[in-house]
Amino acid sequence: VNVTHWVDRGTVRTAGELRRLTEA
């Protein structure tokens, strides 16, 4: 759900950044 939220909100632009967020 958080990944969905971050994609929807445009929080990050790269897969690497998104994976860093998923660790937290």
PDBML (XML) file of the C-alpha atoms, coordinates in Angstrom:
<?xml version="1.0" encoding="UTF-8" ?>
<PDBx:datablock datablockName="MODEL"
   xmlns:PDBx="http://pdbml.pdb.org/schema/pdbx-v50.xsd"
   xmlns:xsi="http://www.w3.org/2001/XMLSchema-instance"
   xsi:schemaLocation="http://pdbml.pdb.org/schema/pdbx-v50.xsd pdbx-v50.xsd">
   <PDBx:atom_siteCategory>
      <PDBx:atom_site id="1">
         <PDBx:B_iso_or_equiv>0.00</PDBx:B_iso_or_equiv>
         <PDBx:Cartn_x>0.000</PDBx:Cartn_x>
         <PDBx:Cartn_y>0.000</PDBx:Cartn_y>
         <PDBx:Cartn_z>0.000</PDBx:Cartn_z>
         <PDBx:auth_asym_id>A</PDBx:auth_asym_id>
         <PDBx:auth_atom_id>CA</PDBx:auth_atom_id>
         <PDBx:auth_comp_id>VAL</PDBx:auth_comp_id>
         <PDBx:auth_seq_id>1</PDBx:auth_seq_id>
         <PDBx:group_PDB>ATOM</PDBx:group_PDB>
         <PDBx:label_alt_id xsi:nil="true" />
         <PDBx:label_asym_id>A</PDBx:label_asym_id>
         <PDBx:label_atom_id>CA</PDBx:label_atom_id>
         <PDBx:label_comp_id>VAL</PDBx:label_comp_id>
         <PDBx:label_entity_id>1</PDBx:label_entity_id>
         <PDBx:label_seq_id>1</PDBx:label_seq_id>
         <PDBx:occupancy>1.00</PDBx:occupancy>
         <PDBx:pdbx_PDB_model_num>1</PDBx:pdbx_PDB_model_num>
         <PDBx:type_symbol>C</PDBx:type_symbol>
      </PDBx:atom_site>
      <PDBx:atom_site id="2">
         <PDBx:B_iso_or_equiv>0.00</PDBx:B_iso_or_equiv>
         <PDBx:Cartn_x>2.822</PDBx:Cartn_x>
         <PDBx:Cartn_y>2.422</PDBx:Cartn_y>
         <PDBx:Cartn_z>0.804</PDBx:Cartn_z>
         <PDBx:auth_asym_id>A</PDBx:auth_asym_id>
         <PDBx:auth_atom_id>CA</PDBx:auth_atom_id>
         <PDBx:auth_comp_id>ASN</PDBx:auth_comp_id>
         <PDBx:auth_seq_id>2</PDBx:auth_seq_id>
         <PDBx:group_PDB>ATOM</PDBx:group_PDB>
         <PDBx:label_alt_id xsi:nil="true" />
         <PDBx:label_asym_id>A</PDBx:label_asym_id>
         <PDBx:label_atom_id>CA</PDBx:label_atom_id>
         <PDBx:label_comp_id>ASN</PDBx:label_comp_id>
         <PDBx:label_entity_id>1</PDBx:label_entity_id>
         <PDBx:label_seq_id>2</PDBx:label_seq_id>
         <PDBx:occupancy>1.00</PDBx:occupancy>
         <PDBx:pdbx_PDB_model_num>1</PDBx:pdbx_PDB_model_num>
         <PDBx:type_symbol>C</PDBx:type_symbol>
      </PDBx:atom_site>
      <PDBx:atom_site id="3">
         <PDBx:B_iso_or_equiv>0.00</PDBx:B_iso_or_equiv>
         <PDBx:Cartn_x>4.466</PDBx:Cartn_x>
         <PDBx:Cartn_y>1.752</PDBx:Cartn_y>
         <PDBx:Cartn_z>-2.546</PDBx:Cartn_z>
         <PDBx:auth_asym_id>A</PDBx:auth_asym_id>
         <PDBx:auth_atom_id>CA</PDBx:auth_atom_id>
         <PDBx:auth_comp_id>VAL</PDBx:auth_comp_id>
         <PDBx:auth_seq_id>3</PDBx:auth_seq_id>
         <PDBx:group_PDB>ATOM</PDBx:group_PDB>
         <PDBx:label_alt_id xsi:nil="true" />
         <PDBx:label_asym_id>A</PDBx:label_asym_id>
         <PDBx:label_atom_id>CA</PDBx:label_atom_id>
         <PDBx:label_comp_id>VAL</PDBx:label_comp_id>
         <PDBx:label_entity_id>1</PDBx:label_entity_id>
         <PDBx:label_seq_id>3</PDBx:label_seq_id>
         <PDBx:occupancy>1.00</PDBx:occupancy>
         <PDBx:pdbx_PDB_model_num>1</PDBx:pdbx_PDB_model_num>
         <PDBx:type_symbol>C</PDBx:type_symbol>
      </PDBx:atom_site>
      <PDBx:atom_site id="4">
         <PDBx:B_iso_or_equiv>0.00</PDBx:B_iso_or_equiv>
         <PDBx:Cartn_x>1.125</PDBx:Cartn_x>
         <PDBx:Cartn_y>2.449</PDBx:Cartn_y>
         <PDBx:Cartn_z>-4.211</PDBx:Cartn_z>
         <PDBx:auth_asym_id>A</PDBx:auth_asym_id>
         <PDBx:auth_atom_id>CA</PDBx:auth_atom_id>
         <PDBx:auth_comp_id>THR</PDBx:auth_comp_id>
         <PDBx:auth_seq_id>4</PDBx:auth_seq_id>
         <PDBx:group_PDB>ATOM</PDBx:group_PDB>
         <PDBx:label_alt_id xsi:nil="true" />
         <PDBx:label_asym_id>A</PDBx:label_asym_id>
         <PDBx:label_atom_id>CA</PDBx:label_atom_id>
         <PDBx:label_comp_id>THR</PDBx:label_comp_id>
         <PDBx:label_entity_id>1</PDBx:label_entity_id>
         <PDBx:label_seq_id>4</PDBx:label_seq_id>
         <PDBx:occupancy>1.00</PDBx:occupancy>
         <PDBx:pdbx_PDB_model_num>1</PDBx:pdbx_PDB_model_num>
         <PDBx:type_symbol>C</PDBx:type_symbol>
      </PDBx:atom_site>
      <PDBx:atom_site id="5">
         <PDBx:B_iso_or_equiv>0.00</PDBx:B_iso_or_equiv>
         <PDBx:Cartn_x>0.908</PDBx:Cartn_x>
         <PDBx:Cartn_y>5.702</PDBx:Cartn_y>
         <PDBx:Cartn_z>-2.256</PDBx:Cartn_z>
         <PDBx:auth_asym_id>A</PDBx:auth_asym_id>
         <PDBx:auth_atom_id>CA</PDBx:auth_atom_id>
         <PDBx:auth_comp_id>HIS</PDBx:auth_comp_id>
         <PDBx:auth_seq_id>5</PDBx:auth_seq_id>
         <PDBx:group_PDB>ATOM</PDBx:group_PDB>
         <PDBx:label_alt_id xsi:nil="true" />
         <PDBx:label_asym_id>A</PDBx:label_asym_id>
         <PDBx:label_atom_id>CA</PDBx:label_atom_id>
         <PDBx:label_comp_id>HIS</PDBx:label_comp_id>
         <PDBx:label_entity_id>1</PDBx:label_entity_id>
         <PDBx:label_seq_id>5</PDBx:label_seq_id>
         <PDBx:occupancy>1.00</PDBx:occupancy>
         <PDBx:pdbx_PDB_model_num>1</PDBx:pdbx_PDB_model_num>
         <PDBx:type_symbol>C</PDBx:type_symbol>
      </PDBx:atom_site>
      <PDBx:atom_site id="6">
         <PDBx:B_iso_or_equiv>0.00</PDBx:B_iso_or_equiv>
         <PDBx:Cartn_x>4.425</PDBx:Cartn_x>
         <PDBx:Cartn_y>6.803</PDBx:Cartn_y>
         <PDBx:Cartn_z>-3.199</PDBx:Cartn_z>
         <PDBx:auth_asym_id>A</PDBx:auth_asym_id>
         <PDBx:auth_atom_id>CA</PDBx:auth_atom_id>
         <PDBx:auth_comp_id>TRP</PDBx:auth_comp_id>
         <PDBx:auth_seq_id>6</PDBx:auth_seq_id>
         <PDBx:group_PDB>ATOM</PDBx:group_PDB>
         <PDBx:label_alt_id xsi:nil="true" />
         <PDBx:label_asym_id>A</PDBx:label_asym_id>
         <PDBx:label_atom_id>CA</PDBx:label_atom_id>
         <PDBx:label_comp_id>TRP</PDBx:label_comp_id>
         <PDBx:label_entity_id>1</PDBx:label_entity_id>
         <PDBx:label_seq_id>6</PDBx:label_seq_id>
         <PDBx:occupancy>1.00</PDBx:occupancy>
         <PDBx:pdbx_PDB_model_num>1</PDBx:pdbx_PDB_model_num>
         <PDBx:type_symbol>C</PDBx:type_symbol>
      </PDBx:atom_site>
      <PDBx:atom_site id="7">
         <PDBx:B_iso_or_equiv>0.00</PDBx:B_iso_or_equiv>
         <PDBx:Cartn_x>3.903</PDBx:Cartn_x>
         <PDBx:Cartn_y>6.025</PDBx:Cartn_y>
         <PDBx:Cartn_z>-6.875</PDBx:Cartn_z>
         <PDBx:auth_asym_id>A</PDBx:auth_asym_id>
         <PDBx:auth_atom_id>CA</PDBx:auth_atom_id>
         <PDBx:auth_comp_id>VAL</PDBx:auth_comp_id>
         <PDBx:auth_seq_id>7</PDBx:auth_seq_id>
         <PDBx:group_PDB>ATOM</PDBx:group_PDB>
         <PDBx:label_alt_id xsi:nil="true" />
         <PDBx:label_asym_id>A</PDBx:label_asym_id>
         <PDBx:label_atom_id>CA</PDBx:label_atom_id>
         <PDBx:label_comp_id>VAL</PDBx:label_comp_id>
         <PDBx:label_entity_id>1</PDBx:label_entity_id>
         <PDBx:label_seq_id>7</PDBx:label_seq_id>
         <PDBx:occupancy>1.00</PDBx:occupancy>
         <PDBx:pdbx_PDB_model_num>1</PDBx:pdbx_PDB_model_num>
         <PDBx:type_symbol>C</PDBx:type_symbol>
      </PDBx:atom_site>
      <PDBx:atom_site id="8">
         <PDBx:B_iso_or_equiv>0.00</PDBx:B_iso_or_equiv>
         <PDBx:Cartn_x>0.555</PDBx:Cartn_x>
         <PDBx:Cartn_y>7.807</PDBx:Cartn_y>
         <PDBx:Cartn_z>-6.864</PDBx:Cartn_z>
         <PDBx:auth_asym_id>A</PDBx:auth_asym_id>
         <PDBx:auth_atom_id>CA</PDBx:auth_atom_id>
         <PDBx:auth_comp_id>ASP</PDBx:auth_comp_id>
         <PDBx:auth_seq_id>8</PDBx:auth_seq_id>
         <PDBx:group_PDB>ATOM</PDBx:group_PDB>
         <PDBx:label_alt_id xsi:nil="true" />
         <PDBx:label_asym_id>A</PDBx:label_asym_id>
         <PDBx:label_atom_id>CA</PDBx:label_atom_id>
         <PDBx:label_comp_id>ASP</PDBx:label_comp_id>
         <PDBx:label_entity_id>1</PDBx:label_entity_id>
         <PDBx:label_seq_id>8</PDBx:label_seq_id>
         <PDBx:occupancy>1.00</PDBx:occupancy>
         <PDBx:pdbx_PDB_model_num>1</PDBx:pdbx_PDB_model_num>
         <PDBx:type_symbol>C</PDBx:type_symbol>
      </PDBx:atom_site>
      <PDBx:atom_site id="9">
         <PDBx:B_iso_or_equiv>0.00</PDBx:B_iso_or_equiv>
         <PDBx:Cartn_x>2.008</PDBx:Cartn_x>
         <PDBx:Cartn_y>10.856</PDBx:Cartn_y>
         <PDBx:Cartn_z>-5.103</PDBx:Cartn_z>
         <PDBx:auth_asym_id>A</PDBx:auth_asym_id>
         <PDBx:auth_atom_id>CA</PDBx:auth_atom_id>
         <PDBx:auth_comp_id>ARG</PDBx:auth_comp_id>
         <PDBx:auth_seq_id>9</PDBx:auth_seq_id>
         <PDBx:group_PDB>ATOM</PDBx:group_PDB>
         <PDBx:label_alt_id xsi:nil="true" />
         <PDBx:label_asym_id>A</PDBx:label_asym_id>
         <PDBx:label_atom_id>CA</PDBx:label_atom_id>
         <PDBx:label_comp_id>ARG</PDBx:label_comp_id>
         <PDBx:label_entity_id>1</PDBx:label_entity_id>
         <PDBx:label_seq_id>9</PDBx:label_seq_id>
         <PDBx:occupancy>1.00</PDBx:occupancy>
         <PDBx:pdbx_PDB_model_num>1</PDBx:pdbx_PDB_model_num>
         <PDBx:type_symbol>C</PDBx:type_symbol>
      </PDBx:atom_site>
      <PDBx:atom_site id="10">
         <PDBx:B_iso_or_equiv>0.00</PDBx:B_iso_or_equiv>
         <PDBx:Cartn_x>5.115</PDBx:Cartn_x>
         <PDBx:Cartn_y>11.074</PDBx:Cartn_y>
         <PDBx:Cartn_z>-7.303</PDBx:Cartn_z>
         <PDBx:auth_asym_id>A</PDBx:auth_asym_id>
         <PDBx:auth_atom_id>CA</PDBx:auth_atom_id>
         <PDBx:auth_comp_id>GLY</PDBx:auth_comp_id>
         <PDBx:auth_seq_id>10</PDBx:auth_seq_id>
         <PDBx:group_PDB>ATOM</PDBx:group_PDB>
         <PDBx:label_alt_id xsi:nil="true" />
         <PDBx:label_asym_id>A</PDBx:label_asym_id>
         <PDBx:label_atom_id>CA</PDBx:label_atom_id>
         <PDBx:label_comp_id>GLY</PDBx:label_comp_id>
         <PDBx:label_entity_id>1</PDBx:label_entity_id>
         <PDBx:label_seq_id>10</PDBx:label_seq_id>
         <PDBx:occupancy>1.00</PDBx:occupancy>
         <PDBx:pdbx_PDB_model_num>1</PDBx:pdbx_PDB_model_num>
         <PDBx:type_symbol>C</PDBx:type_symbol>
      </PDBx:atom_site>
      <PDBx:atom_site id="11">
         <PDBx:B_iso_or_equiv>0.00</PDBx:B_iso_or_equiv>
         <PDBx:Cartn_x>7.304</PDBx:Cartn_x>
         <PDBx:Cartn_y>10.821</PDBx:Cartn_y>
         <PDBx:Cartn_z>-4.205</PDBx:Cartn_z>
         <PDBx:auth_asym_id>A</PDBx:auth_asym_id>
         <PDBx:auth_atom_id>CA</PDBx:auth_atom_id>
         <PDBx:auth_comp_id>THR</PDBx:auth_comp_id>
         <PDBx:auth_seq_id>11</PDBx:auth_seq_id>
         <PDBx:group_PDB>ATOM</PDBx:group_PDB>
         <PDBx:label_alt_id xsi:nil="true" />
         <PDBx:label_asym_id>A</PDBx:label_asym_id>
         <PDBx:label_atom_id>CA</PDBx:label_atom_id>
         <PDBx:label_comp_id>THR</PDBx:label_comp_id>
         <PDBx:label_entity_id>1</PDBx:label_entity_id>
         <PDBx:label_seq_id>11</PDBx:label_seq_id>
         <PDBx:occupancy>1.00</PDBx:occupancy>
         <PDBx:pdbx_PDB_model_num>1</PDBx:pdbx_PDB_model_num>
         <PDBx:type_symbol>C</PDBx:type_symbol>
      </PDBx:atom_site>
      <PDBx:atom_site id="12">
         <PDBx:B_iso_or_equiv>0.00</PDBx:B_iso_or_equiv>
         <PDBx:Cartn_x>10.241</PDBx:Cartn_x>
         <PDBx:Cartn_y>9.302</PDBx:Cartn_y>
         <PDBx:Cartn_z>-6.106</PDBx:Cartn_z>
         <PDBx:auth_asym_id>A</PDBx:auth_asym_id>
         <PDBx:auth_atom_id>CA</PDBx:auth_atom_id>
         <PDBx:auth_comp_id>VAL</PDBx:auth_comp_id>
         <PDBx:auth_seq_id>12</PDBx:auth_seq_id>
         <PDBx:group_PDB>ATOM</PDBx:group_PDB>
         <PDBx:label_alt_id xsi:nil="true" />
         <PDBx:label_asym_id>A</PDBx:label_asym_id>
         <PDBx:label_atom_id>CA</PDBx:label_atom_id>
         <PDBx:label_comp_id>VAL</PDBx:label_comp_id>
         <PDBx:label_entity_id>1</PDBx:label_entity_id>
         <PDBx:label_seq_id>12</PDBx:label_seq_id>
         <PDBx:occupancy>1.00</PDBx:occupancy>
         <PDBx:pdbx_PDB_model_num>1</PDBx:pdbx_PDB_model_num>
         <PDBx:type_symbol>C</PDBx:type_symbol>
      </PDBx:atom_site>
      <PDBx:atom_site id="13">
         <PDBx:B_iso_or_equiv>0.00</PDBx:B_iso_or_equiv>
         <PDBx:Cartn_x>11.343</PDBx:Cartn_x>
         <PDBx:Cartn_y>8.999</PDBx:Cartn_y>
         <PDBx:Cartn_z>-9.713</PDBx:Cartn_z>
         <PDBx:auth_asym_id>A</PDBx:auth_asym_id>
         <PDBx:auth_atom_id>CA</PDBx:auth_atom_id>
         <PDBx:auth_comp_id>ARG</PDBx:auth_comp_id>
         <PDBx:auth_seq_id>13</PDBx:auth_seq_id>
         <PDBx:group_PDB>ATOM</PDBx:group_PDB>
         <PDBx:label_alt_id xsi:nil="true" />
         <PDBx:label_asym_id>A</PDBx:label_asym_id>
         <PDBx:label_atom_id>CA</PDBx:label_atom_id>
         <PDBx:label_comp_id>ARG</PDBx:label_comp_id>
         <PDBx:label_entity_id>1</PDBx:label_entity_id>
         <PDBx:label_seq_id>13</PDBx:label_seq_id>
         <PDBx:occupancy>1.00</PDBx:occupancy>
         <PDBx:pdbx_PDB_model_num>1</PDBx:pdbx_PDB_model_num>
         <PDBx:type_symbol>C</PDBx:type_symbol>
      </PDBx:atom_site>
      <PDBx:atom_site id="14">
         <PDBx:B_iso_or_equiv>0.00</PDBx:B_iso_or_equiv>
         <PDBx:Cartn_x>13.606</PDBx:Cartn_x>
         <PDBx:Cartn_y>5.944</PDBx:Cartn_y>
         <PDBx:Cartn_z>-9.760</PDBx:Cartn_z>
         <PDBx:auth_asym_id>A</PDBx:auth_asym_id>
         <PDBx:auth_atom_id>CA</PDBx:auth_atom_id>
         <PDBx:auth_comp_id>THR</PDBx:auth_comp_id>
         <PDBx:auth_seq_id>14</PDBx:auth_seq_id>
         <PDBx:group_PDB>ATOM</PDBx:group_PDB>
         <PDBx:label_alt_id xsi:nil="true" />
         <PDBx:label_asym_id>A</PDBx:label_asym_id>
         <PDBx:label_atom_id>CA</PDBx:label_atom_id>
         <PDBx:label_comp_id>THR</PDBx:label_comp_id>
         <PDBx:label_entity_id>1</PDBx:label_entity_id>
         <PDBx:label_seq_id>14</PDBx:label_seq_id>
         <PDBx:occupancy>1.00</PDBx:occupancy>
         <PDBx:pdbx_PDB_model_num>1</PDBx:pdbx_PDB_model_num>
         <PDBx:type_symbol>C</PDBx:type_symbol>
      </PDBx:atom_site>
      <PDBx:atom_site id="15">
         <PDBx:B_iso_or_equiv>0.00</PDBx:B_iso_or_equiv>
         <PDBx:Cartn_x>13.226</PDBx:Cartn_x>
         <PDBx:Cartn_y>2.309</PDBx:Cartn_y>
         <PDBx:Cartn_z>-8.799</PDBx:Cartn_z>
         <PDBx:auth_asym_id>A</PDBx:auth_asym_id>
         <PDBx:auth_atom_id>CA</PDBx:auth_atom_id>
         <PDBx:auth_comp_id>ALA</PDBx:auth_comp_id>
         <PDBx:auth_seq_id>15</PDBx:auth_seq_id>
         <PDBx:group_PDB>ATOM</PDBx:group_PDB>
         <PDBx:label_alt_id xsi:nil="true" />
         <PDBx:label_asym_id>A</PDBx:label_asym_id>
         <PDBx:label_atom_id>CA</PDBx:label_atom_id>
         <PDBx:label_comp_id>ALA</PDBx:label_comp_id>
         <PDBx:label_entity_id>1</PDBx:label_entity_id>
         <PDBx:label_seq_id>15</PDBx:label_seq_id>
         <PDBx:occupancy>1.00</PDBx:occupancy>
         <PDBx:pdbx_PDB_model_num>1</PDBx:pdbx_PDB_model_num>
         <PDBx:type_symbol>C</PDBx:type_symbol>
      </PDBx:atom_site>
      <PDBx:atom_site id="16">
         <PDBx:B_iso_or_equiv>0.00</PDBx:B_iso_or_equiv>
         <PDBx:Cartn_x>16.302</PDBx:Cartn_x>
         <PDBx:Cartn_y>2.588</PDBx:Cartn_y>
         <PDBx:Cartn_z>-6.593</PDBx:Cartn_z>
         <PDBx:auth_asym_id>A</PDBx:auth_asym_id>
         <PDBx:auth_atom_id>CA</PDBx:auth_atom_id>
         <PDBx:auth_comp_id>GLY</PDBx:auth_comp_id>
         <PDBx:auth_seq_id>16</PDBx:auth_seq_id>
         <PDBx:group_PDB>ATOM</PDBx:group_PDB>
         <PDBx:label_alt_id xsi:nil="true" />
         <PDBx:label_asym_id>A</PDBx:label_asym_id>
         <PDBx:label_atom_id>CA</PDBx:label_atom_id>
         <PDBx:label_comp_id>GLY</PDBx:label_comp_id>
         <PDBx:label_entity_id>1</PDBx:label_entity_id>
         <PDBx:label_seq_id>16</PDBx:label_seq_id>
         <PDBx:occupancy>1.00</PDBx:occupancy>
         <PDBx:pdbx_PDB_model_num>1</PDBx:pdbx_PDB_model_num>
         <PDBx:type_symbol>C</PDBx:type_symbol>
      </PDBx:atom_site>
      <PDBx:atom_site id="17">
         <PDBx:B_iso_or_equiv>0.00</PDBx:B_iso_or_equiv>
         <PDBx:Cartn_x>14.758</PDBx:Cartn_x>
         <PDBx:Cartn_y>5.393</PDBx:Cartn_y>
         <PDBx:Cartn_z>-4.570</PDBx:Cartn_z>
         <PDBx:auth_asym_id>A</PDBx:auth_asym_id>
         <PDBx:auth_atom_id>CA</PDBx:auth_atom_id>
         <PDBx:auth_comp_id>GLU</PDBx:auth_comp_id>
         <PDBx:auth_seq_id>17</PDBx:auth_seq_id>
         <PDBx:group_PDB>ATOM</PDBx:group_PDB>
         <PDBx:label_alt_id xsi:nil="true" />
         <PDBx:label_asym_id>A</PDBx:label_asym_id>
         <PDBx:label_atom_id>CA</PDBx:label_atom_id>
         <PDBx:label_comp_id>GLU</PDBx:label_comp_id>
         <PDBx:label_entity_id>1</PDBx:label_entity_id>
         <PDBx:label_seq_id>17</PDBx:label_seq_id>
         <PDBx:occupancy>1.00</PDBx:occupancy>
         <PDBx:pdbx_PDB_model_num>1</PDBx:pdbx_PDB_model_num>
         <PDBx:type_symbol>C</PDBx:type_symbol>
      </PDBx:atom_site>
      <PDBx:atom_site id="18">
         <PDBx:B_iso_or_equiv>0.00</PDBx:B_iso_or_equiv>
         <PDBx:Cartn_x>11.506</PDBx:Cartn_x>
         <PDBx:Cartn_y>3.483</PDBx:Cartn_y>
         <PDBx:Cartn_z>-4.233</PDBx:Cartn_z>
         <PDBx:auth_asym_id>A</PDBx:auth_asym_id>
         <PDBx:auth_atom_id>CA</PDBx:auth_atom_id>
         <PDBx:auth_comp_id>LEU</PDBx:auth_comp_id>
         <PDBx:auth_seq_id>18</PDBx:auth_seq_id>
         <PDBx:group_PDB>ATOM</PDBx:group_PDB>
         <PDBx:label_alt_id xsi:nil="true" />
         <PDBx:label_asym_id>A</PDBx:label_asym_id>
         <PDBx:label_atom_id>CA</PDBx:label_atom_id>
         <PDBx:label_comp_id>LEU</PDBx:label_comp_id>
         <PDBx:label_entity_id>1</PDBx:label_entity_id>
         <PDBx:label_seq_id>18</PDBx:label_seq_id>
         <PDBx:occupancy>1.00</PDBx:occupancy>
         <PDBx:pdbx_PDB_model_num>1</PDBx:pdbx_PDB_model_num>
         <PDBx:type_symbol>C</PDBx:type_symbol>
      </PDBx:atom_site>
      <PDBx:atom_site id="19">
         <PDBx:B_iso_or_equiv>0.00</PDBx:B_iso_or_equiv>
         <PDBx:Cartn_x>13.324</PDBx:Cartn_x>
         <PDBx:Cartn_y>0.381</PDBx:Cartn_y>
         <PDBx:Cartn_z>-2.988</PDBx:Cartn_z>
         <PDBx:auth_asym_id>A</PDBx:auth_asym_id>
         <PDBx:auth_atom_id>CA</PDBx:auth_atom_id>
         <PDBx:auth_comp_id>ARG</PDBx:auth_comp_id>
         <PDBx:auth_seq_id>19</PDBx:auth_seq_id>
         <PDBx:group_PDB>ATOM</PDBx:group_PDB>
         <PDBx:label_alt_id xsi:nil="true" />
         <PDBx:label_asym_id>A</PDBx:label_asym_id>
         <PDBx:label_atom_id>CA</PDBx:label_atom_id>
         <PDBx:label_comp_id>ARG</PDBx:label_comp_id>
         <PDBx:label_entity_id>1</PDBx:label_entity_id>
         <PDBx:label_seq_id>19</PDBx:label_seq_id>
         <PDBx:occupancy>1.00</PDBx:occupancy>
         <PDBx:pdbx_PDB_model_num>1</PDBx:pdbx_PDB_model_num>
         <PDBx:type_symbol>C</PDBx:type_symbol>
      </PDBx:atom_site>
      <PDBx:atom_site id="20">
         <PDBx:B_iso_or_equiv>0.00</PDBx:B_iso_or_equiv>
         <PDBx:Cartn_x>15.081</PDBx:Cartn_x>
         <PDBx:Cartn_y>2.521</PDBx:Cartn_y>
         <PDBx:Cartn_z>-0.390</PDBx:Cartn_z>
         <PDBx:auth_asym_id>A</PDBx:auth_asym_id>
         <PDBx:auth_atom_id>CA</PDBx:auth_atom_id>
         <PDBx:auth_comp_id>ARG</PDBx:auth_comp_id>
         <PDBx:auth_seq_id>20</PDBx:auth_seq_id>
         <PDBx:group_PDB>ATOM</PDBx:group_PDB>
         <PDBx:label_alt_id xsi:nil="true" />
         <PDBx:label_asym_id>A</PDBx:label_asym_id>
         <PDBx:label_atom_id>CA</PDBx:label_atom_id>
         <PDBx:label_comp_id>ARG</PDBx:label_comp_id>
         <PDBx:label_entity_id>1</PDBx:label_entity_id>
         <PDBx:label_seq_id>20</PDBx:label_seq_id>
         <PDBx:occupancy>1.00</PDBx:occupancy>
         <PDBx:pdbx_PDB_model_num>1</PDBx:pdbx_PDB_model_num>
         <PDBx:type_symbol>C</PDBx:type_symbol>
      </PDBx:atom_site>
      <PDBx:atom_site id="21">
         <PDBx:B_iso_or_equiv>0.00</PDBx:B_iso_or_equiv>
         <PDBx:Cartn_x>11.686</PDBx:Cartn_x>
         <PDBx:Cartn_y>3.693</PDBx:Cartn_y>
         <PDBx:Cartn_z>0.838</PDBx:Cartn_z>
         <PDBx:auth_asym_id>A</PDBx:auth_asym_id>
         <PDBx:auth_atom_id>CA</PDBx:auth_atom_id>
         <PDBx:auth_comp_id>LEU</PDBx:auth_comp_id>
         <PDBx:auth_seq_id>21</PDBx:auth_seq_id>
         <PDBx:group_PDB>ATOM</PDBx:group_PDB>
         <PDBx:label_alt_id xsi:nil="true" />
         <PDBx:label_asym_id>A</PDBx:label_asym_id>
         <PDBx:label_atom_id>CA</PDBx:label_atom_id>
         <PDBx:label_comp_id>LEU</PDBx:label_comp_id>
         <PDBx:label_entity_id>1</PDBx:label_entity_id>
         <PDBx:label_seq_id>21</PDBx:label_seq_id>
         <PDBx:occupancy>1.00</PDBx:occupancy>
         <PDBx:pdbx_PDB_model_num>1</PDBx:pdbx_PDB_model_num>
         <PDBx:type_symbol>C</PDBx:type_symbol>
      </PDBx:atom_site>
      <PDBx:atom_site id="22">
         <PDBx:B_iso_or_equiv>0.00</PDBx:B_iso_or_equiv>
         <PDBx:Cartn_x>10.419</PDBx:Cartn_x>
         <PDBx:Cartn_y>0.105</PDBx:Cartn_y>
         <PDBx:Cartn_z>0.963</PDBx:Cartn_z>
         <PDBx:auth_asym_id>A</PDBx:auth_asym_id>
         <PDBx:auth_atom_id>CA</PDBx:auth_atom_id>
         <PDBx:auth_comp_id>THR</PDBx:auth_comp_id>
         <PDBx:auth_seq_id>22</PDBx:auth_seq_id>
         <PDBx:group_PDB>ATOM</PDBx:group_PDB>
         <PDBx:label_alt_id xsi:nil="true" />
         <PDBx:label_asym_id>A</PDBx:label_asym_id>
         <PDBx:label_atom_id>CA</PDBx:label_atom_id>
         <PDBx:label_comp_id>THR</PDBx:label_comp_id>
         <PDBx:label_entity_id>1</PDBx:label_entity_id>
         <PDBx:label_seq_id>22</PDBx:label_seq_id>
         <PDBx:occupancy>1.00</PDBx:occupancy>
         <PDBx:pdbx_PDB_model_num>1</PDBx:pdbx_PDB_model_num>
         <PDBx:type_symbol>C</PDBx:type_symbol>
      </PDBx:atom_site>
      <PDBx:atom_site id="23">
         <PDBx:B_iso_or_equiv>0.00</PDBx:B_iso_or_equiv>
         <PDBx:Cartn_x>13.229</PDBx:Cartn_x>
         <PDBx:Cartn_y>-0.840</PDBx:Cartn_y>
         <PDBx:Cartn_z>3.363</PDBx:Cartn_z>
         <PDBx:auth_asym_id>A</PDBx:auth_asym_id>
         <PDBx:auth_atom_id>CA</PDBx:auth_atom_id>
         <PDBx:auth_comp_id>GLU</PDBx:auth_comp_id>
         <PDBx:auth_seq_id>23</PDBx:auth_seq_id>
         <PDBx:group_PDB>ATOM</PDBx:group_PDB>
         <PDBx:label_alt_id xsi:nil="true" />
         <PDBx:label_asym_id>A</PDBx:label_asym_id>
         <PDBx:label_atom_id>CA</PDBx:label_atom_id>
         <PDBx:label_comp_id>GLU</PDBx:label_comp_id>
         <PDBx:label_entity_id>1</PDBx:label_entity_id>
         <PDBx:label_seq_id>23</PDBx:label_seq_id>
         <PDBx:occupancy>1.00</PDBx:occupancy>
         <PDBx:pdbx_PDB_model_num>1</PDBx:pdbx_PDB_model_num>
         <PDBx:type_symbol>C</PDBx:type_symbol>
      </PDBx:atom_site>
      <PDBx:atom_site id="24">
         <PDBx:B_iso_or_equiv>0.00</PDBx:B_iso_or_equiv>
         <PDBx:Cartn_x>11.867</PDBx:Cartn_x>
         <PDBx:Cartn_y>1.627</PDBx:Cartn_y>
         <PDBx:Cartn_z>5.911</PDBx:Cartn_z>
         <PDBx:auth_asym_id>A</PDBx:auth_asym_id>
         <PDBx:auth_atom_id>CA</PDBx:auth_atom_id>
         <PDBx:auth_comp_id>ALA</PDBx:auth_comp_id>
         <PDBx:auth_seq_id>24</PDBx:auth_seq_id>
         <PDBx:group_PDB>ATOM</PDBx:group_PDB>
         <PDBx:label_alt_id xsi:nil="true" />
         <PDBx:label_asym_id>A</PDBx:label_asym_id>
         <PDBx:label_atom_id>CA</PDBx:label_atom_id>
         <PDBx:label_comp_id>ALA</PDBx:label_comp_id>
         <PDBx:label_entity_id>1</PDBx:label_entity_id>
         <PDBx:label_seq_id>24</PDBx:label_seq_id>
         <PDBx:occupancy>1.00</PDBx:occupancy>
         <PDBx:pdbx_PDB_model_num>1</PDBx:pdbx_PDB_model_num>
         <PDBx:type_symbol>C</PDBx:type_symbol>
      </PDBx:atom_site>
   </PDBx:atom_siteCategory>
</PDBx:datablock>
